[in-house]
């Protein structure tokens, strides 16, 4: 079982939205991070908080998203 967490903050660091998701799967860390980013973007869009700045501590996932390399 894996879990994903998303926190959306404003420019002052105040939490605007948050969510957690349980998954019935064992995911590799970079896959879980990519899924959390996706869920975060969907959440931000659903509450009108786009455009947004993405922050993550998983550099390879951020680089893949930024460049589009390896995306389907």
PDB file of N, CA and C in Angstrom:
ATOM      1  N   UNK A   1       0.848  -1.181   0.000  1.00  0.00           N
ATOM      2  CA  UNK A   1       0.000   0.000   0.000  1.00  0.00           C
ATOM      3  C   UNK A   1       0.884   1.230   0.000  1.00  0.00           C
ATOM      4  N   UNK A   2       0.550   2.178  -0.845  1.00  0.00           N
ATOM      5  CA  UNK A   2       1.265   3.448  -0.923  1.00  0.00           C
ATOM      6  C   UNK A   2       0.305   4.581  -0.621  1.00  0.00           C
ATOM      7  N   UNK A   3       0.862   5.694  -0.216  1.00  0.00           N
ATOM      8  CA  UNK A   3       0.060   6.878   0.022  1.00  0.00           C
ATOM      9  C   UNK A   3       0.675   8.083  -0.653  1.00  0.00           C
ATOM     10  N   UNK A   4      -0.177   8.989  -1.104  1.00  0.00           N
ATOM     11  CA  UNK A   4       0.263  10.225  -1.729  1.00  0.00           C
ATOM     12  C   UNK A   4      -0.275  11.385  -0.918  1.00  0.00           C
ATOM     13  N   UNK A   5       0.526  12.428  -0.794  1.00  0.00           N
ATOM     14  CA  UNK A   5       0.079  13.627  -0.112  1.00  0.00           C
ATOM     15  C   UNK A   5       0.348  14.856  -0.953  1.00  0.00           C
ATOM     16  N   UNK A   6      -0.560  15.809  -0.903  1.00  0.00           N
ATOM     17  CA  UNK A   6      -0.452  17.045  -1.664  1.00  0.00           C
ATOM     18  C   UNK A   6      -0.748  18.205  -0.722  1.00  0.00           C
ATOM     19  N   UNK A   7       0.103  19.220  -0.760  1.00  0.00           N
ATOM     20  CA  UNK A   7      -0.138  20.454  -0.015  1.00  0.00           C
ATOM     21  C   UNK A   7       0.014  21.611  -0.985  1.00  0.00           C
ATOM     22  N   UNK A   8      -0.993  22.468  -1.041  1.00  0.00           N
ATOM     23  CA  UNK A   8      -0.951  23.653  -1.887  1.00  0.00           C
ATOM     24  C   UNK A   8      -0.919  24.865  -0.968  1.00  0.00           C
ATOM     25  N   UNK A   9       0.152  25.669  -1.123  1.00  0.00           N
ATOM     26  CA  UNK A   9       0.340  26.847  -0.293  1.00  0.00           C
ATOM     27  C   UNK A   9       0.296  28.113  -1.146  1.00  0.00           C
ATOM     28  N   UNK A  10      -0.054  29.221  -0.500  1.00  0.00           N
ATOM     29  CA  UNK A  10       0.031  30.490  -1.200  1.00  0.00           C
ATOM     30  C   UNK A  10       1.452  31.035  -1.078  1.00  0.00           C
ATOM     31  N   UNK A  11       1.676  32.226  -1.606  1.00  0.00           N
ATOM     32  CA  UNK A  11       3.022  32.792  -1.625  1.00  0.00           C
ATOM     33  C   UNK A  11       3.566  33.085  -0.233  1.00  0.00           C
ATOM     34  N   UNK A  12       2.684  33.131   0.785  1.00  0.00           N
ATOM     35  CA  UNK A  12       3.123  33.354   2.165  1.00  0.00           C
ATOM     36  C   UNK A  12       3.393  32.047   2.901  1.00  0.00           C
ATOM     37  N   UNK A  13       3.083  30.924   2.254  1.00  0.00           N
ATOM     38  CA  UNK A  13       3.259  29.633   2.891  1.00  0.00           C
ATOM     39  C   UNK A  13       2.026  29.126   3.609  1.00  0.00           C
ATOM     40  N   UNK A  14       0.921  29.860   3.506  1.00  0.00           N
ATOM     41  CA  UNK A  14      -0.320  29.408   4.133  1.00  0.00           C
ATOM     42  C   UNK A  14      -0.953  28.296   3.302  1.00  0.00           C
ATOM     43  N   UNK A  15      -1.428  27.271   3.969  1.00  0.00           N
ATOM     44  CA  UNK A  15      -2.028  26.139   3.275  1.00  0.00           C
ATOM     45  C   UNK A  15      -3.392  26.550   2.721  1.00  0.00           C
ATOM     46  N   UNK A  16      -3.539  26.392   1.405  1.00  0.00           N
ATOM     47  CA  UNK A  16      -4.792  26.717   0.727  1.00  0.00           C
ATOM     48  C   UNK A  16      -5.650  25.463   0.538  1.00  0.00           C
ATOM     49  N   UNK A  17      -5.007  24.365   0.209  1.00  0.00           N
ATOM     50  CA  UNK A  17      -5.675  23.069   0.010  1.00  0.00           C
ATOM     51  C   UNK A  17      -4.690  21.969   0.363  1.00  0.00           C
ATOM     52  N   UNK A  18      -5.222  20.828   0.735  1.00  0.00           N
ATOM     53  CA  UNK A  18      -4.386  19.645   0.945  1.00  0.00           C
ATOM     54  C   UNK A  18      -5.234  18.404   0.703  1.00  0.00           C
ATOM     55  N   UNK A  19      -4.571  17.328   0.424  1.00  0.00           N
ATOM     56  CA  UNK A  19      -5.278  16.069   0.185  1.00  0.00           C
ATOM     57  C   UNK A  19      -4.318  14.910   0.400  1.00  0.00           C
ATOM     58  N   UNK A  20      -4.878  13.766   0.728  1.00  0.00           N
ATOM     59  CA  UNK A  20      -4.081  12.540   0.782  1.00  0.00           C
ATOM     60  C   UNK A  20      -4.863  11.443   0.068  1.00  0.00           C
ATOM     61  N   UNK A  21      -4.120  10.557  -0.537  1.00  0.00           N
ATOM     62  CA  UNK A  21      -4.710   9.495  -1.352  1.00  0.00           C
ATOM     63  C   UNK A  21      -4.041   8.183  -0.980  1.00  0.00           C
ATOM     64  N   UNK A  22      -4.829   7.176  -0.704  1.00  0.00           N
ATOM     65  CA  UNK A  22      -4.311   5.836  -0.474  1.00  0.00           C
ATOM     66  C   UNK A  22      -4.384   5.035  -1.769  1.00  0.00           C
ATOM     67  N   UNK A  23      -3.340   4.290  -2.044  1.00  0.00           N
ATOM     68  CA  UNK A  23      -3.295   3.457  -3.247  1.00  0.00           C
ATOM     69  C   UNK A  23      -3.054   2.021  -2.848  1.00  0.00           C
ATOM     70  N   UNK A  24      -3.742   1.129  -3.484  1.00  0.00           N
ATOM     71  CA  UNK A  24      -3.568  -0.286  -3.204  1.00  0.00           C
ATOM     72  C   UNK A  24      -2.474  -0.845  -4.107  1.00  0.00           C
ATOM     73  N   UNK A  25      -1.268  -0.308  -3.940  1.00  0.00           N
ATOM     74  CA  UNK A  25      -0.137  -0.726  -4.771  1.00  0.00           C
ATOM     75  C   UNK A  25       1.152  -0.340  -4.065  1.00  0.00           C
ATOM     76  N   UNK A  26       2.210  -1.060  -4.381  1.00  0.00           N
ATOM     77  CA  UNK A  26       3.547  -0.692  -3.938  1.00  0.00           C
ATOM     78  C   UNK A  26       4.244  -0.023  -5.109  1.00  0.00           C
ATOM     79  N   UNK A  27       4.504   1.279  -4.979  1.00  0.00           N
ATOM     80  CA  UNK A  27       5.061   2.047  -6.082  1.00  0.00           C
ATOM     81  C   UNK A  27       6.516   2.401  -5.831  1.00  0.00           C
ATOM     82  N   UNK A  28       7.271   2.496  -6.901  1.00  0.00           N
ATOM     83  CA  UNK A  28       8.624   3.026  -6.788  1.00  0.00           C
ATOM     84  C   UNK A  28       8.499   4.495  -6.414  1.00  0.00           C
ATOM     85  N   UNK A  29       9.449   5.022  -5.648  1.00  0.00           N
ATOM     86  CA  UNK A  29       9.327   6.406  -5.161  1.00  0.00           C
ATOM     87  C   UNK A  29       9.128   7.449  -6.263  1.00  0.00           C
ATOM     88  N   UNK A  30       9.830   7.322  -7.378  1.00  0.00           N
ATOM     89  CA  UNK A  30       9.678   8.330  -8.426  1.00  0.00           C
ATOM     90  C   UNK A  30       8.301   8.256  -9.097  1.00  0.00           C
ATOM     91  N   UNK A  31       7.710   7.083  -9.143  1.00  0.00           N
ATOM     92  CA  UNK A  31       6.356   6.942  -9.691  1.00  0.00           C
ATOM     93  C   UNK A  31       5.349   7.572  -8.730  1.00  0.00           C
ATOM     94  N   UNK A  32       5.515   7.309  -7.437  1.00  0.00           N
ATOM     95  CA  UNK A  32       4.620   7.906  -6.443  1.00  0.00           C
ATOM     96  C   UNK A  32       4.725   9.429  -6.473  1.00  0.00           C
ATOM     97  N   UNK A  33       5.927   9.958  -6.620  1.00  0.00           N
ATOM     98  CA  UNK A  33       6.108  11.409  -6.686  1.00  0.00           C
ATOM     99  C   UNK A  33       5.422  11.992  -7.913  1.00  0.00           C
ATOM    100  N   UNK A  34       5.579  11.345  -9.054  1.00  0.00           N
ATOM    101  CA  UNK A  34       4.934  11.816 -10.280  1.00  0.00           C
ATOM    102  C   UNK A  34       3.412  11.794 -10.132  1.00  0.00           C
ATOM    103  N   UNK A  35       2.895  10.752  -9.502  1.00  0.00           N
ATOM    104  CA  UNK A  35       1.442  10.675  -9.288  1.00  0.00           C
ATOM    105  C   UNK A  35       0.970  11.771  -8.341  1.00  0.00           C
ATOM    106  N   UNK A  36       1.749  12.057  -7.300  1.00  0.00           N
ATOM    107  CA  UNK A  36       1.378  13.118  -6.362  1.00  0.00           C
ATOM    108  C   UNK A  36       1.381  14.477  -7.064  1.00  0.00           C
ATOM    109  N   UNK A  37       2.354  14.709  -7.927  1.00  0.00           N
ATOM    110  CA  UNK A  37       2.403  15.958  -8.689  1.00  0.00           C
ATOM    111  C   UNK A  37       1.159  16.067  -9.569  1.00  0.00           C
ATOM    112  N   UNK A  38       0.822  14.984 -10.241  1.00  0.00           N
ATOM    113  CA  UNK A  38      -0.367  14.983 -11.103  1.00  0.00           C
ATOM    114  C   UNK A  38      -1.626  15.294 -10.291  1.00  0.00           C
ATOM    115  N   UNK A  39      -1.770  14.616  -9.163  1.00  0.00           N
ATOM    116  CA  UNK A  39      -2.936  14.856  -8.300  1.00  0.00           C
ATOM    117  C   UNK A  39      -2.954  16.302  -7.809  1.00  0.00           C
ATOM    118  N   UNK A  40      -1.781  16.851  -7.492  1.00  0.00           N
ATOM    119  CA  UNK A  40      -1.693  18.233  -7.033  1.00  0.00           C
ATOM    120  C   UNK A  40      -2.127  19.225  -8.087  1.00  0.00           C
ATOM    121  N   UNK A  41      -1.712  18.983  -9.336  1.00  0.00           N
ATOM    122  CA  UNK A  41      -2.117  19.859 -10.432  1.00  0.00           C
ATOM    123  C   UNK A  41      -3.625  19.777 -10.644  1.00  0.00           C
ATOM    124  N   UNK A  42      -4.177  18.572 -10.599  1.00  0.00           N
ATOM    125  CA  UNK A  42      -5.627  18.414 -10.740  1.00  0.00           C
ATOM    126  C   UNK A  42      -6.369  19.129  -9.610  1.00  0.00           C
ATOM    127  N   UNK A  43      -5.874  18.985  -8.388  1.00  0.00           N
ATOM    128  CA  UNK A  43      -6.501  19.636  -7.239  1.00  0.00           C
ATOM    129  C   UNK A  43      -6.431  21.157  -7.385  1.00  0.00           C
ATOM    130  N   UNK A  44      -5.267  21.682  -7.738  1.00  0.00           N
ATOM    131  CA  UNK A  44      -5.114  23.127  -7.905  1.00  0.00           C
ATOM    132  C   UNK A  44      -6.073  23.651  -8.972  1.00  0.00           C
ATOM    133  N   UNK A  45      -6.198  22.930 -10.062  1.00  0.00           N
ATOM    134  CA  UNK A  45      -7.120  23.339 -11.116  1.00  0.00           C
ATOM    135  C   UNK A  45      -8.569  23.308 -10.675  1.00  0.00           C
ATOM    136  N   UNK A  46      -8.918  22.309  -9.885  1.00  0.00           N
ATOM    137  CA  UNK A  46     -10.317  22.159  -9.470  1.00  0.00           C
ATOM    138  C   UNK A  46     -10.777  23.246  -8.505  1.00  0.00           C
ATOM    139  N   UNK A  47      -9.832  23.887  -7.827  1.00  0.00           N
ATOM    140  CA  UNK A  47     -10.200  24.955  -6.881  1.00  0.00           C
ATOM    141  C   UNK A  47      -9.739  26.326  -7.377  1.00  0.00           C
ATOM    142  N   UNK A  48      -9.346  26.416  -8.641  1.00  0.00           N
ATOM    143  CA  UNK A  48      -9.006  27.697  -9.241  1.00  0.00           C
ATOM    144  C   UNK A  48      -7.673  28.280  -8.819  1.00  0.00           C
ATOM    145  N   UNK A  49      -6.702  27.426  -8.512  1.00  0.00           N
ATOM    146  CA  UNK A  49      -5.396  27.901  -8.059  1.00  0.00           C
ATOM    147  C   UNK A  49      -4.302  27.745  -9.114  1.00  0.00           C
ATOM    148  N   UNK A  50      -4.684  27.735 -10.377  1.00  0.00           N
ATOM    149  CA  UNK A  50      -3.703  27.697 -11.459  1.00  0.00           C
ATOM    150  C   UNK A  50      -3.661  29.063 -12.125  1.00  0.00           C
ATOM    151  N   UNK A  51      -2.536  29.502 -12.635  1.00  0.00           N
ATOM    152  CA  UNK A  51      -1.259  28.799 -12.706  1.00  0.00           C
ATOM    153  C   UNK A  51      -0.614  28.680 -11.326  1.00  0.00           C
ATOM    154  N   UNK A  52       0.354  27.790 -11.224  1.00  0.00           N
ATOM    155  CA  UNK A  52       1.001  27.514  -9.950  1.00  0.00           C
ATOM    156  C   UNK A  52       2.480  27.224 -10.161  1.00  0.00           C
ATOM    157  N   UNK A  53       3.233  27.270  -9.088  1.00  0.00           N
ATOM    158  CA  UNK A  53       4.643  26.900  -9.078  1.00  0.00           C
ATOM    159  C   UNK A  53       4.738  25.529  -8.430  1.00  0.00           C
ATOM    160  N   UNK A  54       5.423  24.618  -9.092  1.00  0.00           N
ATOM    161  CA  UNK A  54       5.585  23.262  -8.595  1.00  0.00           C
ATOM    162  C   UNK A  54       6.901  23.135  -7.848  1.00  0.00           C
ATOM    163  N   UNK A  55       6.858  22.542  -6.672  1.00  0.00           N
ATOM    164  CA  UNK A  55       8.072  22.249  -5.915  1.00  0.00           C
ATOM    165  C   UNK A  55       8.074  20.774  -5.558  1.00  0.00           C
ATOM    166  N   UNK A  56       9.235  20.160  -5.687  1.00  0.00           N
ATOM    167  CA  UNK A  56       9.393  18.741  -5.358  1.00  0.00           C
ATOM    168  C   UNK A  56      10.845  18.491  -5.003  1.00  0.00           C
ATOM    169  N   UNK A  57      11.080  17.466  -4.211  1.00  0.00           N
ATOM    170  CA  UNK A  57      12.451  17.110  -3.875  1.00  0.00           C
ATOM    171  C   UNK A  57      12.965  15.940  -4.724  1.00  0.00           C
ATOM    172  N   UNK A  58      12.237  15.590  -5.748  1.00  0.00           N
ATOM    173  CA  UNK A  58      12.641  14.487  -6.630  1.00  0.00           C
ATOM    174  C   UNK A  58      13.050  15.074  -7.978  1.00  0.00           C
ATOM    175  N   UNK A  59      14.343  15.363  -8.109  1.00  0.00           N
ATOM    176  CA  UNK A  59      14.863  16.094  -9.255  1.00  0.00           C
ATOM    177  C   UNK A  59      14.582  15.404 -10.582  1.00  0.00           C
ATOM    178  N   UNK A  60      14.741  14.084 -10.651  1.00  0.00           N
ATOM    179  CA  UNK A  60      14.536  13.411 -11.940  1.00  0.00           C
ATOM    180  C   UNK A  60      13.094  13.523 -12.419  1.00  0.00           C
ATOM    181  N   UNK A  61      12.130  13.540 -11.507  1.00  0.00           N
ATOM    182  CA  UNK A  61      10.726  13.693 -11.893  1.00  0.00           C
ATOM    183  C   UNK A  61      10.475  15.124 -12.372  1.00  0.00           C
ATOM    184  N   UNK A  62      10.993  16.092 -11.652  1.00  0.00           N
ATOM    185  CA  UNK A  62      10.826  17.493 -12.045  1.00  0.00           C
ATOM    186  C   UNK A  62      11.467  17.743 -13.410  1.00  0.00           C
ATOM    187  N   UNK A  63      12.667  17.212 -13.637  1.00  0.00           N
ATOM    188  CA  UNK A  63      13.333  17.393 -14.926  1.00  0.00           C
ATOM    189  C   UNK A  63      12.531  16.753 -16.060  1.00  0.00           C
ATOM    190  N   UNK A  64      11.969  15.602 -15.812  1.00  0.00           N
ATOM    191  CA  UNK A  64      11.160  14.937 -16.852  1.00  0.00           C
ATOM    192  C   UNK A  64       9.927  15.767 -17.182  1.00  0.00           C
ATOM    193  N   UNK A  65       9.278  16.297 -16.164  1.00  0.00           N
ATOM    194  CA  UNK A  65       8.099  17.134 -16.395  1.00  0.00           C
ATOM    195  C   UNK A  65       8.503  18.418 -17.128  1.00  0.00           C
ATOM    196  N   UNK A  66       9.597  19.019 -16.713  1.00  0.00           N
ATOM    197  CA  UNK A  66      10.035  20.288 -17.309  1.00  0.00           C
ATOM    198  C   UNK A  66      10.410  20.156 -18.766  1.00  0.00           C
ATOM    199  N   UNK A  67      11.079  19.063 -19.120  1.00  0.00           N
ATOM    200  CA  UNK A  67      11.563  18.902 -20.488  1.00  0.00           C
ATOM    201  C   UNK A  67      10.599  18.130 -21.360  1.00  0.00           C
ATOM    202  N   UNK A  68       9.727  17.347 -20.747  1.00  0.00           N
ATOM    203  CA  UNK A  68       8.810  16.510 -21.519  1.00  0.00           C
ATOM    204  C   UNK A  68       9.442  15.201 -21.986  1.00  0.00           C
ATOM    205  N   UNK A  69      10.726  14.994 -21.685  1.00  0.00           N
ATOM    206  CA  UNK A  69      11.401  13.765 -22.079  1.00  0.00           C
ATOM    207  C   UNK A  69      10.812  12.572 -21.326  1.00  0.00           C
ATOM    208  N   UNK A  70      10.470  11.540 -22.038  1.00  0.00           N
ATOM    209  CA  UNK A  70       9.984  10.319 -21.418  1.00  0.00           C
ATOM    210  C   UNK A  70       8.515  10.341 -21.069  1.00  0.00           C
ATOM    211  N   UNK A  71       7.815  11.421 -21.414  1.00  0.00           N
ATOM    212  CA  UNK A  71       6.382  11.461 -21.144  1.00  0.00           C
ATOM    213  C   UNK A  71       5.614  10.822 -22.281  1.00  0.00           C
ATOM    214  N   UNK A  72       4.494  10.218 -21.962  1.00  0.00           N
ATOM    215  CA  UNK A  72       3.657   9.591 -22.999  1.00  0.00           C
ATOM    216  C   UNK A  72       2.876  10.633 -23.752  1.00  0.00           C
TER     217      UNK A  72
END
